[in-house]
Amino acid sequence: MQITEENGPTGGRYIARLEGTEAEMTFSRASPTLVIIDHTGVPDALRGKGVGQALALHAVEAARAERLEDHPALPVLQGPGPTQPGLAGCDFMNRHKLA
C-alpha cells in the first residue's frame, strides 16, 4: 500500500492507494502546532484490508515527526487509544503532545 500526502496552507490529506482504489484521511491545521483529523473515507472495496489503520498510523507518525499536537475529531480515534503497536503511547482522549 502506498500512502502519499497533499498539503495546503490550512490542511491537507493522506491518500492510501491499494488495488487501484484510493482512501483518504483529511486534516486541518488549527495552529502551527495543532492538527485536527476531521475525515476518513475508505471505499467498500478496501474495507477490512487495514487501510484505515494504515492511514491513522501514518497520521500519528507524521504528527510525531513534526512534534505536533493531534486532536482527532473522529470518534474512532477518540477512545482510550488505538491498540496497534505503532500507536502505543498515543493518548488521543487527553490530546497530549505526541512525543
N, C-alpha and C. Protein backbone atom coordinates (compact mmCIF):
# COMPACT_ATOMS: atom_id res chain seq x y z
N MET A 1 0.85 -1.17 0.00
CA MET A 1 0.00 0.00 0.00
C MET A 1 0.90 1.23 0.00
N GLN A 2 0.55 2.18 -0.83
CA GLN A 2 1.28 3.43 -0.92
C GLN A 2 0.46 4.54 -0.26
N ILE A 3 1.09 5.32 0.63
CA ILE A 3 0.43 6.46 1.24
C ILE A 3 1.20 7.72 0.88
N THR A 4 0.50 8.68 0.30
CA THR A 4 1.10 9.95 -0.05
C THR A 4 0.39 11.06 0.72
N GLU A 5 0.96 12.25 0.64
CA GLU A 5 0.42 13.38 1.40
C GLU A 5 0.26 14.59 0.48
N GLU A 6 -0.85 15.28 0.64
CA GLU A 6 -1.08 16.55 -0.04
C GLU A 6 -1.26 17.60 1.05
N ASN A 7 -0.54 18.71 0.94
CA ASN A 7 -0.61 19.77 1.95
C ASN A 7 -1.00 21.08 1.31
N GLY A 8 -1.80 21.84 2.04
CA GLY A 8 -2.16 23.20 1.65
C GLY A 8 -1.92 24.11 2.83
N PRO A 9 -2.23 25.37 2.69
CA PRO A 9 -1.95 26.32 3.78
C PRO A 9 -2.77 26.07 5.06
N THR A 10 -3.95 25.47 4.94
CA THR A 10 -4.79 25.27 6.12
C THR A 10 -5.06 23.79 6.43
N GLY A 11 -4.46 22.89 5.69
CA GLY A 11 -4.68 21.47 5.94
C GLY A 11 -4.22 20.63 4.77
N GLY A 12 -4.71 19.41 4.75
CA GLY A 12 -4.32 18.52 3.67
C GLY A 12 -4.97 17.16 3.84
N ARG A 13 -4.37 16.18 3.18
CA ARG A 13 -4.90 14.83 3.28
C ARG A 13 -3.81 13.81 3.03
N TYR A 14 -4.01 12.64 3.61
CA TYR A 14 -3.19 11.48 3.34
C TYR A 14 -4.01 10.58 2.44
N ILE A 15 -3.39 10.07 1.38
CA ILE A 15 -4.08 9.24 0.41
C ILE A 15 -3.42 7.86 0.39
N ALA A 16 -4.21 6.83 0.63
CA ALA A 16 -3.73 5.45 0.53
C ALA A 16 -4.23 4.88 -0.78
N ARG A 17 -3.34 4.27 -1.52
CA ARG A 17 -3.70 3.64 -2.79
C ARG A 17 -3.41 2.15 -2.70
N LEU A 18 -4.45 1.38 -3.01
CA LEU A 18 -4.34 -0.08 -2.98
C LEU A 18 -5.28 -0.64 -4.02
N GLU A 19 -4.77 -1.54 -4.83
CA GLU A 19 -5.59 -2.22 -5.84
C GLU A 19 -6.30 -1.22 -6.75
N GLY A 20 -5.63 -0.11 -7.07
CA GLY A 20 -6.20 0.88 -7.97
C GLY A 20 -7.29 1.75 -7.36
N THR A 21 -7.46 1.68 -6.04
CA THR A 21 -8.51 2.43 -5.36
C THR A 21 -7.86 3.33 -4.31
N GLU A 22 -8.47 4.51 -4.09
CA GLU A 22 -7.96 5.46 -3.12
C GLU A 22 -8.84 5.54 -1.88
N ALA A 23 -8.19 5.70 -0.73
CA ALA A 23 -8.85 6.03 0.53
C ALA A 23 -8.14 7.28 1.04
N GLU A 24 -8.80 8.04 1.93
CA GLU A 24 -8.17 9.26 2.39
C GLU A 24 -8.46 9.55 3.86
N MET A 25 -7.57 10.32 4.45
CA MET A 25 -7.77 10.89 5.78
C MET A 25 -7.41 12.37 5.63
N THR A 26 -8.35 13.25 5.96
CA THR A 26 -8.10 14.67 5.82
C THR A 26 -7.82 15.30 7.19
N PHE A 27 -7.12 16.41 7.16
CA PHE A 27 -6.78 17.11 8.39
C PHE A 27 -6.76 18.61 8.15
N SER A 28 -6.98 19.34 9.22
CA SER A 28 -6.91 20.80 9.21
C SER A 28 -5.82 21.22 10.18
N ARG A 29 -5.16 22.30 9.86
CA ARG A 29 -4.16 22.87 10.77
C ARG A 29 -4.82 24.01 11.53
N ALA A 30 -5.12 23.76 12.80
CA ALA A 30 -5.78 24.75 13.63
C ALA A 30 -4.80 25.81 14.12
N SER A 31 -3.54 25.45 14.22
CA SER A 31 -2.48 26.37 14.63
C SER A 31 -1.17 25.76 14.14
N PRO A 32 -0.06 26.45 14.32
CA PRO A 32 1.22 25.88 13.88
C PRO A 32 1.58 24.56 14.58
N THR A 33 0.96 24.29 15.73
CA THR A 33 1.30 23.06 16.47
C THR A 33 0.12 22.12 16.67
N LEU A 34 -1.03 22.42 16.07
CA LEU A 34 -2.23 21.59 16.28
C LEU A 34 -2.82 21.15 14.94
N VAL A 35 -2.96 19.85 14.79
CA VAL A 35 -3.57 19.25 13.60
C VAL A 35 -4.86 18.56 14.03
N ILE A 36 -5.94 18.80 13.28
CA ILE A 36 -7.22 18.16 13.57
C ILE A 36 -7.53 17.18 12.45
N ILE A 37 -7.62 15.91 12.79
CA ILE A 37 -8.02 14.89 11.82
C ILE A 37 -9.53 14.94 11.75
N ASP A 38 -10.07 15.27 10.58
CA ASP A 38 -11.51 15.53 10.51
C ASP A 38 -12.31 14.62 9.59
N HIS A 39 -11.66 13.73 8.87
CA HIS A 39 -12.43 12.85 7.97
C HIS A 39 -11.56 11.67 7.56
N THR A 40 -12.17 10.50 7.49
CA THR A 40 -11.53 9.33 6.90
C THR A 40 -12.55 8.69 5.98
N GLY A 41 -12.13 8.44 4.75
CA GLY A 41 -13.00 7.79 3.78
C GLY A 41 -12.32 6.56 3.22
N VAL A 42 -12.92 5.40 3.44
CA VAL A 42 -12.40 4.14 2.91
C VAL A 42 -13.51 3.51 2.08
N PRO A 43 -13.32 3.40 0.76
CA PRO A 43 -14.34 2.79 -0.08
C PRO A 43 -14.61 1.34 0.30
N ASP A 44 -15.80 0.88 -0.01
CA ASP A 44 -16.19 -0.51 0.31
C ASP A 44 -15.17 -1.51 -0.22
N ALA A 45 -14.60 -1.25 -1.39
CA ALA A 45 -13.64 -2.19 -1.99
C ALA A 45 -12.39 -2.40 -1.13
N LEU A 46 -12.10 -1.44 -0.24
CA LEU A 46 -10.90 -1.54 0.59
C LEU A 46 -11.20 -1.86 2.05
N ARG A 47 -12.45 -1.99 2.39
CA ARG A 47 -12.81 -2.27 3.78
C ARG A 47 -12.27 -3.64 4.21
N GLY A 48 -11.83 -3.69 5.46
CA GLY A 48 -11.31 -4.95 6.01
C GLY A 48 -9.88 -5.26 5.60
N LYS A 49 -9.20 -4.32 4.96
CA LYS A 49 -7.83 -4.56 4.49
C LYS A 49 -6.81 -3.75 5.26
N GLY A 50 -7.23 -3.12 6.36
CA GLY A 50 -6.29 -2.38 7.19
C GLY A 50 -5.93 -1.00 6.67
N VAL A 51 -6.69 -0.51 5.70
CA VAL A 51 -6.36 0.78 5.10
C VAL A 51 -6.59 1.93 6.08
N GLY A 52 -7.71 1.92 6.79
CA GLY A 52 -7.98 2.96 7.77
C GLY A 52 -6.93 2.98 8.87
N GLN A 53 -6.52 1.80 9.33
CA GLN A 53 -5.48 1.71 10.35
C GLN A 53 -4.15 2.25 9.83
N ALA A 54 -3.84 1.93 8.58
CA ALA A 54 -2.60 2.41 7.98
C ALA A 54 -2.61 3.94 7.87
N LEU A 55 -3.75 4.51 7.51
CA LEU A 55 -3.86 5.96 7.45
C LEU A 55 -3.69 6.58 8.83
N ALA A 56 -4.31 5.99 9.85
CA ALA A 56 -4.19 6.50 11.21
C ALA A 56 -2.74 6.45 11.68
N LEU A 57 -2.08 5.34 11.43
CA LEU A 57 -0.67 5.20 11.82
C LEU A 57 0.18 6.24 11.10
N HIS A 58 -0.07 6.43 9.82
CA HIS A 58 0.68 7.42 9.06
C HIS A 58 0.48 8.82 9.63
N ALA A 59 -0.76 9.15 9.97
CA ALA A 59 -1.06 10.48 10.54
C ALA A 59 -0.33 10.68 11.87
N VAL A 60 -0.33 9.67 12.71
CA VAL A 60 0.35 9.76 14.00
C VAL A 60 1.86 9.90 13.80
N GLU A 61 2.41 9.12 12.90
CA GLU A 61 3.85 9.20 12.64
C GLU A 61 4.22 10.58 12.10
N ALA A 62 3.39 11.14 11.23
CA ALA A 62 3.66 12.48 10.69
C ALA A 62 3.59 13.52 11.79
N ALA A 63 2.60 13.42 12.68
CA ALA A 63 2.48 14.36 13.79
C ALA A 63 3.67 14.24 14.74
N ARG A 64 4.10 13.02 15.01
CA ARG A 64 5.26 12.83 15.88
C ARG A 64 6.51 13.43 15.24
N ALA A 65 6.68 13.23 13.94
CA ALA A 65 7.85 13.75 13.25
C ALA A 65 7.91 15.27 13.31
N GLU A 66 6.76 15.91 13.27
CA GLU A 66 6.69 17.37 13.33
C GLU A 66 6.50 17.88 14.76
N ARG A 67 6.39 16.97 15.73
CA ARG A 67 6.16 17.30 17.13
C ARG A 67 4.89 18.14 17.28
N LEU A 68 3.84 17.68 16.64
CA LEU A 68 2.56 18.37 16.67
C LEU A 68 1.63 17.74 17.70
N GLU A 69 0.66 18.51 18.12
CA GLU A 69 -0.42 18.00 18.96
C GLU A 69 -1.52 17.56 18.00
N ASP A 70 -2.06 16.38 18.22
CA ASP A 70 -3.08 15.81 17.36
C ASP A 70 -4.42 15.84 18.08
N HIS A 71 -5.42 16.41 17.44
CA HIS A 71 -6.76 16.47 18.03
C HIS A 71 -7.72 15.79 17.06
N PRO A 72 -8.03 14.53 17.28
CA PRO A 72 -8.91 13.83 16.35
C PRO A 72 -10.37 14.22 16.55
N ALA A 73 -11.01 14.59 15.46
CA ALA A 73 -12.44 14.89 15.51
C ALA A 73 -13.27 13.65 15.21
N LEU A 74 -12.61 12.54 14.94
CA LEU A 74 -13.30 11.32 14.57
C LEU A 74 -13.49 10.40 15.77
N PRO A 75 -14.71 9.92 16.01
CA PRO A 75 -14.95 9.05 17.17
C PRO A 75 -14.05 7.82 17.21
N VAL A 76 -13.71 7.26 16.06
CA VAL A 76 -12.90 6.05 16.05
C VAL A 76 -11.53 6.30 16.67
N LEU A 77 -11.05 7.54 16.66
CA LEU A 77 -9.75 7.86 17.24
C LEU A 77 -9.86 8.48 18.63
N GLN A 78 -11.05 8.53 19.19
CA GLN A 78 -11.23 9.22 20.46
C GLN A 78 -11.38 8.29 21.66
N GLY A 79 -11.07 7.04 21.48
CA GLY A 79 -11.16 6.11 22.60
C GLY A 79 -9.94 6.21 23.49
N PRO A 80 -9.73 5.23 24.35
CA PRO A 80 -8.60 5.28 25.26
C PRO A 80 -7.26 5.14 24.55
N GLY A 81 -7.28 4.85 23.27
CA GLY A 81 -6.05 4.73 22.50
C GLY A 81 -6.11 3.51 21.61
N PRO A 82 -5.68 3.65 20.35
CA PRO A 82 -5.65 2.50 19.45
C PRO A 82 -4.70 1.44 19.98
N THR A 83 -4.91 0.20 19.58
CA THR A 83 -4.12 -0.90 20.10
C THR A 83 -3.01 -1.36 19.15
N GLN A 84 -2.88 -0.76 17.98
CA GLN A 84 -1.82 -1.15 17.07
C GLN A 84 -0.47 -0.77 17.67
N PRO A 85 0.55 -1.61 17.51
CA PRO A 85 1.85 -1.34 18.12
C PRO A 85 2.42 0.05 17.79
N GLY A 86 2.30 0.50 16.57
CA GLY A 86 2.85 1.80 16.19
C GLY A 86 2.12 2.96 16.82
N LEU A 87 0.95 2.71 17.39
CA LEU A 87 0.18 3.77 18.01
C LEU A 87 0.27 3.74 19.52
N ALA A 88 1.07 2.84 20.06
CA ALA A 88 1.22 2.75 21.51
C ALA A 88 1.69 4.08 22.06
N GLY A 89 1.12 4.48 23.16
CA GLY A 89 1.51 5.73 23.80
C GLY A 89 0.72 6.93 23.33
N CYS A 90 -0.13 6.76 22.34
CA CYS A 90 -0.97 7.86 21.87
C CYS A 90 -2.20 7.92 22.74
N ASP A 91 -2.32 8.98 23.48
CA ASP A 91 -3.47 9.16 24.34
C ASP A 91 -4.39 10.18 23.68
N PHE A 92 -5.14 9.73 22.71
CA PHE A 92 -5.99 10.63 21.94
C PHE A 92 -7.03 11.31 22.83
N MET A 93 -7.52 10.60 23.83
CA MET A 93 -8.57 11.15 24.67
C MET A 93 -8.09 12.40 25.40
N ASN A 94 -6.86 12.38 25.88
CA ASN A 94 -6.32 13.53 26.61
C ASN A 94 -5.63 14.54 25.70
N ARG A 95 -5.50 14.22 24.44
CA ARG A 95 -4.95 15.14 23.43
C ARG A 95 -3.60 15.73 23.84
N HIS A 96 -2.70 14.88 24.32
CA HIS A 96 -1.40 15.40 24.70
C HIS A 96 -0.51 15.51 23.47
N LYS A 97 0.62 16.18 23.65
CA LYS A 97 1.58 16.26 22.57
C LYS A 97 2.12 14.87 22.31
N LEU A 98 2.22 14.52 21.04
CA LEU A 98 2.74 13.21 20.66
C LEU A 98 4.25 13.27 20.71
N ALA A 99 4.85 12.46 21.56
CA ALA A 99 6.30 12.54 21.74
C ALA A 99 6.96 11.26 21.27
